[in-house]
């Protein structure tokens, strides 16, 4: 069984925006999404930690996902859909299906967040 973070979904766009808002990690997200999915499979938790040393807010940030089991023919796999970011056990950002993340602007900034 293999796992992946959902592609071409509003949840994924939201995940990318929040990740780039918080992360100082020098590798583009597209290169490490698969690693995040494998980490979540290995730990059996639908979440991964962005450590404080790679975080712009100098705190540990948990990216929490919803897990769905998909099947195609004989193969089954897990798909992770972004749900929220948790910092200090308090949800900071939650995925909102009503929000258009393709046209989303970071509050307090005058420029559009680009990925």
Protein backbone atom coordinates (compact mmCIF):
# COMPACT_ATOMS: atom_id res chain seq x y z
CA UNK A 1 0.00 0.00 0.00
CA UNK A 2 1.31 3.43 -0.80
CA UNK A 3 0.27 6.91 0.30
CA UNK A 4 0.12 10.36 -1.22
CA UNK A 5 -1.03 13.86 -0.46
CA UNK A 6 -3.98 14.65 -2.72
CA UNK A 7 -3.11 16.39 -5.99
CA UNK A 8 -5.04 19.26 -7.62
CA UNK A 9 -7.42 19.75 -4.70
CA UNK A 10 -8.34 22.94 -2.85
CA UNK A 11 -7.11 21.28 0.36
CA UNK A 12 -3.68 20.84 -1.22
CA UNK A 13 -3.54 24.46 -2.36
CA UNK A 14 -4.40 25.52 1.21
CA UNK A 15 -1.69 23.20 2.58
CA UNK A 16 0.89 24.70 0.21
CA UNK A 17 -0.04 28.27 1.13
CA UNK A 18 0.11 27.62 4.88
CA UNK A 19 3.33 25.64 4.55
CA UNK A 20 5.09 28.43 2.66
CA UNK A 21 3.71 30.98 5.12
CA UNK A 22 5.33 29.10 8.03
CA UNK A 23 8.36 27.29 6.62
CA UNK A 24 11.94 28.40 6.18
CA UNK A 25 13.01 24.93 4.99
CA UNK A 26 15.15 25.46 1.87
CA UNK A 27 13.63 22.66 -0.26
CA UNK A 28 10.54 23.34 -2.44
CA UNK A 29 7.43 21.56 -1.18
CA UNK A 30 6.91 19.65 -4.43
CA UNK A 31 10.12 17.73 -3.76
CA UNK A 32 9.18 16.62 -0.24
CA UNK A 33 5.41 15.99 -0.36
CA UNK A 34 6.00 12.29 -0.92
CA UNK A 35 8.37 12.20 2.05
CA UNK A 36 5.66 13.76 4.25
CA UNK A 37 3.17 11.11 3.12
CA UNK A 38 5.67 8.31 3.86
CA UNK A 39 6.36 9.81 7.29
CA UNK A 40 2.65 9.85 8.09
CA UNK A 41 2.34 6.22 6.95
CA UNK A 42 5.35 5.14 8.98
CA UNK A 43 4.18 6.89 12.18
CA UNK A 44 0.54 5.88 11.60
CA UNK A 45 -0.55 9.47 12.32
CA UNK A 46 -2.20 11.73 9.74
CA UNK A 47 0.06 14.63 10.74
CA UNK A 48 3.66 15.75 10.49
CA UNK A 49 5.72 18.25 12.45
CA UNK A 50 7.41 21.32 11.05
CA UNK A 51 10.10 21.82 13.73
CA UNK A 52 10.68 25.19 15.33
CA UNK A 53 14.13 25.48 13.72
CA UNK A 54 12.49 25.55 10.24
CA UNK A 55 9.52 27.67 11.29
CA UNK A 56 9.10 31.41 10.80
CA UNK A 57 7.20 31.68 14.10
CA UNK A 58 9.94 29.72 15.99
CA UNK A 59 7.39 27.19 17.25
CA UNK A 60 6.62 23.58 16.45
CA UNK A 61 3.77 23.48 13.91
CA UNK A 62 1.75 20.33 13.25
CA UNK A 63 0.16 19.95 9.83
CA UNK A 64 -2.87 17.71 10.33
CA UNK A 65 -4.57 15.78 7.52
CA UNK A 66 -7.67 13.67 7.01
CA UNK A 67 -6.93 10.14 5.84
CA UNK A 68 -8.99 8.44 3.12
CA UNK A 69 -8.55 4.93 1.76
CA UNK A 70 -8.89 4.71 -2.01
CA UNK A 71 -8.88 1.63 -4.18
CA UNK A 72 -8.40 1.11 -7.89
CA UNK A 73 -8.71 -2.46 -9.07
CA UNK A 74 -6.51 -4.59 -6.83
CA UNK A 75 -4.45 -1.75 -5.39
CA UNK A 76 -5.36 0.23 -2.30
CA UNK A 77 -3.71 3.42 -1.14
CA UNK A 78 -4.08 6.22 1.36
CA UNK A 79 -4.77 9.78 0.29
CA UNK A 80 -4.15 12.60 2.73
CA UNK A 81 -6.31 15.74 2.59
CA UNK A 82 -5.06 18.80 4.49
CA UNK A 83 -7.22 19.81 7.46
CA UNK A 84 -5.45 22.28 9.78
CA UNK A 85 -2.25 23.66 11.33
CA UNK A 86 -1.84 23.29 15.08
CA UNK A 87 0.67 25.30 17.15
CA UNK A 88 1.02 24.87 20.93
CA UNK A 89 -2.04 22.52 20.86
CA UNK A 90 -4.18 25.36 19.46
CA UNK A 91 -5.52 25.20 15.88
CA UNK A 92 -4.03 28.19 14.05
CA UNK A 93 -5.42 27.68 10.57
CA UNK A 94 -8.22 25.42 9.42
CA UNK A 95 -9.04 24.45 5.85
CA UNK A 96 -12.19 26.32 4.81
CA UNK A 97 -14.02 24.89 1.75
CA UNK A 98 -15.69 28.27 1.20
CA UNK A 99 -12.37 30.09 0.73
CA UNK A 100 -10.81 30.43 -2.72
CA UNK A 101 -7.18 29.59 -1.94
CA UNK A 102 -6.05 30.34 -5.50
CA UNK A 103 -6.88 34.00 -4.84
CA UNK A 104 -6.00 34.03 -1.18
CA UNK A 105 -3.99 36.87 0.32
CA UNK A 106 -2.15 36.64 3.61
CA UNK A 107 -3.75 38.88 6.19
CA UNK A 108 -1.63 41.92 7.00
CA UNK A 109 0.40 41.75 3.80
CA UNK A 110 -0.06 43.75 0.62
CA UNK A 111 1.10 41.08 -1.78
CA UNK A 112 -0.36 37.82 -2.91
CA UNK A 113 1.16 34.65 -1.56
CA UNK A 114 2.55 32.69 -4.49
CA UNK A 115 3.59 29.07 -4.60
